[in-house]
């Protein structure tokens, strides 16, 4: 039987790992924002979905073939899935606001990233509690498959002009993609 203090330690370890993985993603996001500005603001939601698809498909191809001819690491592709997932949610939130510029100030981009991080982390904590850290027993390849599945769902919802009858919306699917990618980052670094 697992004692209660062990669960607390395990959760603290998990939270630290989650925060560290996300910190890597934020670091890349901020450095790219310094380099490129917020050029991603020009992308439509469908293009961001496809960008995440490209990254997840590359991860799956490398996993299946065992070959990596481009040289970019699988870790960097999962970081890309996290960052593009957050970018997608930011874009969804800004799409109806006419007064938001295409080029955001660095500080504003960072604030928007942090807002999404906080929302996604709350979702992670709730699901992690309810599912008992089941993600720890999963393979990294399963996270890739789940990301690809979520992307197909998003594409279908996009084809339905954002309407669902019973299912979660696009933003919830992006949040799950982000969390699956963070799980992969944690497992890659264990």
C-alpha atoms as a PDB file:
ATOM      1  CA  UNK A   1       0.000   0.000   0.000  1.00  0.00           C
ATOM      2  CA  UNK A   2       1.278   3.478  -0.892  1.00  0.00           C
ATOM      3  CA  UNK A   3       1.394   5.855   2.029  1.00  0.00           C
ATOM      4  CA  UNK A   4      -0.079   9.341   1.791  1.00  0.00           C
ATOM      5  CA  UNK A   5       3.293  11.156   2.166  1.00  0.00           C
ATOM      6  CA  UNK A   6       4.623   9.220  -0.849  1.00  0.00           C
ATOM      7  CA  UNK A   7       1.741  10.561  -2.953  1.00  0.00           C
ATOM      8  CA  UNK A   8       2.561  14.110  -1.883  1.00  0.00           C
ATOM      9  CA  UNK A   9       6.242  13.644  -2.795  1.00  0.00           C
ATOM     10  CA  UNK A  10       5.273  12.064  -6.116  1.00  0.00           C
ATOM     11  CA  UNK A  11       2.961  14.978  -6.905  1.00  0.00           C
ATOM     12  CA  UNK A  12       5.641  17.520  -5.986  1.00  0.00           C
ATOM     13  CA  UNK A  13       8.089  15.701  -8.248  1.00  0.00           C
ATOM     14  CA  UNK A  14       5.532  15.663 -11.044  1.00  0.00           C
ATOM     15  CA  UNK A  15       4.744  19.353 -10.646  1.00  0.00           C
ATOM     16  CA  UNK A  16       8.456  20.210 -10.691  1.00  0.00           C
ATOM     17  CA  UNK A  17       9.004  18.101 -13.807  1.00  0.00           C
ATOM     18  CA  UNK A  18       5.963  19.680 -15.465  1.00  0.00           C
ATOM     19  CA  UNK A  19       7.129  23.204 -14.646  1.00  0.00           C
ATOM     20  CA  UNK A  20      10.681  22.461 -15.840  1.00  0.00           C
ATOM     21  CA  UNK A  21       9.450  21.032 -19.141  1.00  0.00           C
ATOM     22  CA  UNK A  22       7.197  24.033 -19.666  1.00  0.00           C
ATOM     23  CA  UNK A  23      10.051  26.393 -18.767  1.00  0.00           C
ATOM     24  CA  UNK A  24      12.087  24.911 -21.652  1.00  0.00           C
ATOM     25  CA  UNK A  25       9.175  25.538 -23.984  1.00  0.00           C
ATOM     26  CA  UNK A  26       8.729  29.094 -22.778  1.00  0.00           C
ATOM     27  CA  UNK A  27      12.444  29.761 -23.183  1.00  0.00           C
ATOM     28  CA  UNK A  28      12.264  28.689 -26.836  1.00  0.00           C
ATOM     29  CA  UNK A  29       9.052  30.681 -27.347  1.00  0.00           C
ATOM     30  CA  UNK A  30      10.610  33.845 -25.935  1.00  0.00           C
ATOM     31  CA  UNK A  31      13.866  33.468 -27.870  1.00  0.00           C
ATOM     32  CA  UNK A  32      11.945  32.964 -31.105  1.00  0.00           C
ATOM     33  CA  UNK A  33       9.799  35.970 -30.236  1.00  0.00           C
ATOM     34  CA  UNK A  34      13.002  38.010 -29.903  1.00  0.00           C
ATOM     35  CA  UNK A  35      14.240  36.668 -33.254  1.00  0.00           C
ATOM     36  CA  UNK A  36      11.025  36.739 -35.286  1.00  0.00           C
ATOM     37  CA  UNK A  37       8.602  38.917 -33.365  1.00  0.00           C
ATOM     38  CA  UNK A  38       5.076  37.527 -33.369  1.00  0.00           C
ATOM     39  CA  UNK A  39       5.072  36.573 -37.045  1.00  0.00           C
ATOM     40  CA  UNK A  40       2.847  33.634 -36.058  1.00  0.00           C
ATOM     41  CA  UNK A  41       0.000  36.125 -35.648  1.00  0.00           C
ATOM     42  CA  UNK A  42      -0.457  36.083 -39.418  1.00  0.00           C
ATOM     43  CA  UNK A  43      -1.271  32.345 -39.362  1.00  0.00           C
ATOM     44  CA  UNK A  44      -4.848  31.169 -39.540  1.00  0.00           C
ATOM     45  CA  UNK A  45      -5.953  28.489 -37.082  1.00  0.00           C
ATOM     46  CA  UNK A  46      -5.883  25.823 -39.814  1.00  0.00           C
ATOM     47  CA  UNK A  47      -2.252  26.637 -40.589  1.00  0.00           C
ATOM     48  CA  UNK A  48      -1.272  26.264 -36.944  1.00  0.00           C
ATOM     49  CA  UNK A  49      -3.093  22.930 -36.782  1.00  0.00           C
ATOM     50  CA  UNK A  50      -1.114  21.814 -39.831  1.00  0.00           C
ATOM     51  CA  UNK A  51       2.155  23.035 -38.312  1.00  0.00           C
ATOM     52  CA  UNK A  52       1.567  20.883 -35.228  1.00  0.00           C
ATOM     53  CA  UNK A  53       0.619  18.000 -37.525  1.00  0.00           C
ATOM     54  CA  UNK A  54       3.943  18.313 -39.364  1.00  0.00           C
ATOM     55  CA  UNK A  55       5.846  18.105 -36.068  1.00  0.00           C
ATOM     56  CA  UNK A  56       3.852  15.149 -34.725  1.00  0.00           C
ATOM     57  CA  UNK A  57       4.038  13.306 -38.045  1.00  0.00           C
ATOM     58  CA  UNK A  58       7.828  13.794 -38.097  1.00  0.00           C
ATOM     59  CA  UNK A  59       8.097  12.358 -34.583  1.00  0.00           C
ATOM     60  CA  UNK A  60       6.037   9.340 -35.637  1.00  0.00           C
ATOM     61  CA  UNK A  61       8.067   8.811 -38.819  1.00  0.00           C
ATOM     62  CA  UNK A  62      11.345   8.899 -36.878  1.00  0.00           C
ATOM     63  CA  UNK A  63       9.876   6.469 -34.329  1.00  0.00           C
ATOM     64  CA  UNK A  64       8.723   4.076 -37.051  1.00  0.00           C
ATOM     65  CA  UNK A  65      11.804   4.246 -39.304  1.00  0.00           C
ATOM     66  CA  UNK A  66      14.507   4.806 -36.709  1.00  0.00           C
ATOM     67  CA  UNK A  67      16.014   7.422 -39.040  1.00  0.00           C
ATOM     68  CA  UNK A  68      16.430  11.141 -38.430  1.00  0.00           C
ATOM     69  CA  UNK A  69      17.877  12.741 -41.542  1.00  0.00           C
ATOM     70  CA  UNK A  70      17.097  16.373 -40.646  1.00  0.00           C
ATOM     71  CA  UNK A  71      18.878  16.181 -37.320  1.00  0.00           C
ATOM     72  CA  UNK A  72      16.456  18.199 -35.171  1.00  0.00           C
ATOM     73  CA  UNK A  73      15.729  16.288 -31.987  1.00  0.00           C
ATOM     74  CA  UNK A  74      12.421  14.686 -31.109  1.00  0.00           C
ATOM     75  CA  UNK A  75      12.522  16.821 -27.974  1.00  0.00           C
ATOM     76  CA  UNK A  76      12.589  19.993 -30.079  1.00  0.00           C
ATOM     77  CA  UNK A  77       9.580  18.742 -32.052  1.00  0.00           C
ATOM     78  CA  UNK A  78       7.595  18.162 -28.850  1.00  0.00           C
ATOM     79  CA  UNK A  79       8.608  21.656 -27.704  1.00  0.00           C
ATOM     80  CA  UNK A  80       7.228  22.879 -31.027  1.00  0.00           C
ATOM     81  CA  UNK A  81       3.957  21.037 -30.359  1.00  0.00           C
ATOM     82  CA  UNK A  82       3.668  22.776 -26.986  1.00  0.00           C
ATOM     83  CA  UNK A  83       4.454  26.218 -28.345  1.00  0.00           C
ATOM     84  CA  UNK A  84       2.271  25.960 -31.429  1.00  0.00           C
ATOM     85  CA  UNK A  85      -0.545  24.592 -29.254  1.00  0.00           C
ATOM     86  CA  UNK A  86      -0.306  27.672 -27.067  1.00  0.00           C
ATOM     87  CA  UNK A  87      -0.052  29.921 -30.118  1.00  0.00           C
ATOM     88  CA  UNK A  88      -3.218  28.285 -31.491  1.00  0.00           C
ATOM     89  CA  UNK A  89      -5.145  28.988 -28.296  1.00  0.00           C
ATOM     90  CA  UNK A  90      -3.877  32.572 -28.211  1.00  0.00           C
ATOM     91  CA  UNK A  91      -4.979  33.014 -31.828  1.00  0.00           C
ATOM     92  CA  UNK A  92      -8.421  31.584 -31.033  1.00  0.00           C
ATOM     93  CA  UNK A  93      -8.775  34.040 -28.165  1.00  0.00           C
ATOM     94  CA  UNK A  94      -7.654  37.002 -30.290  1.00  0.00           C
ATOM     95  CA  UNK A  95      -9.511  36.181 -33.508  1.00  0.00           C
ATOM     96  CA  UNK A  96     -12.592  38.267 -32.682  1.00  0.00           C
ATOM     97  CA  UNK A  97     -10.665  41.221 -31.292  1.00  0.00           C
ATOM     98  CA  UNK A  98     -10.287  43.748 -34.089  1.00  0.00           C
ATOM     99  CA  UNK A  99      -8.013  46.106 -32.140  1.00  0.00           C
ATOM    100  CA  UNK A 100      -5.167  43.594 -31.609  1.00  0.00           C
ATOM    101  CA  UNK A 101      -2.156  44.214 -33.824  1.00  0.00           C
ATOM    102  CA  UNK A 102      -0.485  41.488 -35.848  1.00  0.00           C
ATOM    103  CA  UNK A 103       2.831  42.350 -34.210  1.00  0.00           C
ATOM    104  CA  UNK A 104       2.530  42.103 -30.440  1.00  0.00           C
ATOM    105  CA  UNK A 105       5.028  43.571 -28.035  1.00  0.00           C
ATOM    106  CA  UNK A 106       7.416  41.031 -26.525  1.00  0.00           C
ATOM    107  CA  UNK A 107       5.957  41.583 -23.041  1.00  0.00           C
ATOM    108  CA  UNK A 108       2.407  41.117 -24.319  1.00  0.00           C
ATOM    109  CA  UNK A 109       3.349  37.863 -26.068  1.00  0.00           C
ATOM    110  CA  UNK A 110       4.961  36.624 -22.852  1.00  0.00           C
ATOM    111  CA  UNK A 111       1.868  37.555 -20.839  1.00  0.00           C
ATOM    112  CA  UNK A 112      -0.413  35.725 -23.280  1.00  0.00           C
ATOM    113  CA  UNK A 113       1.868  32.662 -23.118  1.00  0.00           C
ATOM    114  CA  UNK A 114       1.785  32.728 -19.303  1.00  0.00           C
ATOM    115  CA  UNK A 115      -2.017  33.034 -19.249  1.00  0.00           C
ATOM    116  CA  UNK A 116      -2.354  29.915 -21.376  1.00  0.00           C
ATOM    117  CA  UNK A 117       0.287  28.087 -19.353  1.00  0.00           C
ATOM    118  CA  UNK A 118      -1.680  28.751 -16.159  1.00  0.00           C
ATOM    119  CA  UNK A 119      -4.934  27.522 -17.711  1.00  0.00           C
ATOM    120  CA  UNK A 120      -3.311  24.410 -19.171  1.00  0.00           C
ATOM    121  CA  UNK A 121      -1.503  23.644 -15.907  1.00  0.00           C
ATOM    122  CA  UNK A 122      -4.826  23.773 -14.001  1.00  0.00           C
ATOM    123  CA  UNK A 123      -6.270  21.295 -16.485  1.00  0.00           C
ATOM    124  CA  UNK A 124      -3.202  19.076 -16.079  1.00  0.00           C
ATOM    125  CA  UNK A 125      -3.468  19.110 -12.277  1.00  0.00           C
ATOM    126  CA  UNK A 126      -7.163  18.199 -12.367  1.00  0.00           C
ATOM    127  CA  UNK A 127      -6.741  15.400 -14.912  1.00  0.00           C
ATOM    128  CA  UNK A 128      -3.537  14.155 -13.276  1.00  0.00           C
ATOM    129  CA  UNK A 129      -5.440  13.805 -10.021  1.00  0.00           C
ATOM    130  CA  UNK A 130      -8.419  12.027 -11.576  1.00  0.00           C
ATOM    131  CA  UNK A 131      -6.374   9.701 -13.798  1.00  0.00           C
ATOM    132  CA  UNK A 132      -3.780   8.893 -11.131  1.00  0.00           C
ATOM    133  CA  UNK A 133      -0.783   9.805 -13.271  1.00  0.00           C
ATOM    134  CA  UNK A 134      -1.667   7.129 -15.845  1.00  0.00           C
ATOM    135  CA  UNK A 135       0.433   9.053 -18.390  1.00  0.00           C
ATOM    136  CA  UNK A 136       3.572   7.864 -16.571  1.00  0.00           C
ATOM    137  CA  UNK A 137       2.830   4.284 -17.644  1.00  0.00           C
ATOM    138  CA  UNK A 138       2.308   5.218 -21.286  1.00  0.00           C
ATOM    139  CA  UNK A 139       4.837   5.100 -24.099  1.00  0.00           C
ATOM    140  CA  UNK A 140       6.060   8.256 -25.803  1.00  0.00           C
ATOM    141  CA  UNK A 141       4.746   6.826 -29.073  1.00  0.00           C
ATOM    142  CA  UNK A 142       1.249   6.844 -27.550  1.00  0.00           C
ATOM    143  CA  UNK A 143       1.510  10.575 -26.833  1.00  0.00           C
ATOM    144  CA  UNK A 144       2.422  11.095 -30.487  1.00  0.00           C
ATOM    145  CA  UNK A 145      -0.572   9.043 -31.613  1.00  0.00           C
ATOM    146  CA  UNK A 146      -2.881  10.922 -29.236  1.00  0.00           C
ATOM    147  CA  UNK A 147      -1.591  14.249 -30.550  1.00  0.00           C
ATOM    148  CA  UNK A 148      -2.255  13.104 -34.119  1.00  0.00           C
ATOM    149  CA  UNK A 149      -5.742  11.930 -33.106  1.00  0.00           C
ATOM    150  CA  UNK A 150      -6.508  15.278 -31.470  1.00  0.00           C
ATOM    151  CA  UNK A 151      -5.297  17.057 -34.614  1.00  0.00           C
ATOM    152  CA  UNK A 152      -7.711  15.018 -36.731  1.00  0.00           C
ATOM    153  CA  UNK A 153     -10.490  15.989 -34.325  1.00  0.00           C
ATOM    154  CA  UNK A 154      -9.515  19.644 -34.599  1.00  0.00           C
ATOM    155  CA  UNK A 155      -9.493  19.425 -38.404  1.00  0.00           C
ATOM    156  CA  UNK A 156     -13.008  17.947 -38.334  1.00  0.00           C
ATOM    157  CA  UNK A 157     -14.227  20.671 -35.972  1.00  0.00           C
ATOM    158  CA  UNK A 158     -12.628  23.277 -38.259  1.00  0.00           C
ATOM    159  CA  UNK A 159     -14.500  21.719 -41.209  1.00  0.00           C
ATOM    160  CA  UNK A 160     -17.668  22.052 -39.104  1.00  0.00           C
ATOM    161  CA  UNK A 161     -16.892  25.775 -38.699  1.00  0.00           C
ATOM    162  CA  UNK A 162     -16.044  25.305 -35.020  1.00  0.00           C
ATOM    163  CA  UNK A 163     -19.368  23.728 -34.100  1.00  0.00           C
ATOM    164  CA  UNK A 164     -19.670  20.551 -32.060  1.00  0.00           C
ATOM    165  CA  UNK A 165     -22.774  18.705 -30.908  1.00  0.00           C
ATOM    166  CA  UNK A 166     -21.466  16.895 -27.843  1.00  0.00           C
ATOM    167  CA  UNK A 167     -17.693  17.098 -27.996  1.00  0.00           C
ATOM    168  CA  UNK A 168     -15.108  19.438 -26.527  1.00  0.00           C
ATOM    169  CA  UNK A 169     -14.162  22.439 -28.589  1.00  0.00           C
ATOM    170  CA  UNK A 170     -10.979  23.173 -30.463  1.00  0.00           C
ATOM    171  CA  UNK A 171      -9.305  24.884 -27.498  1.00  0.00           C
ATOM    172  CA  UNK A 172      -9.740  21.827 -25.245  1.00  0.00           C
ATOM    173  CA  UNK A 173      -8.110  19.633 -27.890  1.00  0.00           C
ATOM    174  CA  UNK A 174      -5.160  22.029 -28.173  1.00  0.00           C
ATOM    175  CA  UNK A 175      -4.762  21.971 -24.383  1.00  0.00           C
ATOM    176  CA  UNK A 176      -4.650  18.175 -24.432  1.00  0.00           C
ATOM    177  CA  UNK A 177      -2.045  18.288 -27.224  1.00  0.00           C
ATOM    178  CA  UNK A 178       0.088  20.613 -25.123  1.00  0.00           C
ATOM    179  CA  UNK A 179      -0.151  18.328 -22.106  1.00  0.00           C
ATOM    180  CA  UNK A 180       0.651  15.181 -24.122  1.00  0.00           C
ATOM    181  CA  UNK A 181       3.737  16.928 -25.500  1.00  0.00           C
ATOM    182  CA  UNK A 182       4.784  17.990 -21.994  1.00  0.00           C
ATOM    183  CA  UNK A 183       4.392  14.383 -20.806  1.00  0.00           C
ATOM    184  CA  UNK A 184       6.693  13.310 -23.623  1.00  0.00           C
ATOM    185  CA  UNK A 185       9.247  15.962 -22.636  1.00  0.00           C
ATOM    186  CA  UNK A 186       9.175  14.748 -19.038  1.00  0.00           C
ATOM    187  CA  UNK A 187       9.647  11.118 -20.080  1.00  0.00           C
ATOM    188  CA  UNK A 188      12.413  11.990 -22.547  1.00  0.00           C
ATOM    189  CA  UNK A 189      14.324  13.640 -19.694  1.00  0.00           C
ATOM    190  CA  UNK A 190      13.854  10.883 -17.099  1.00  0.00           C
END
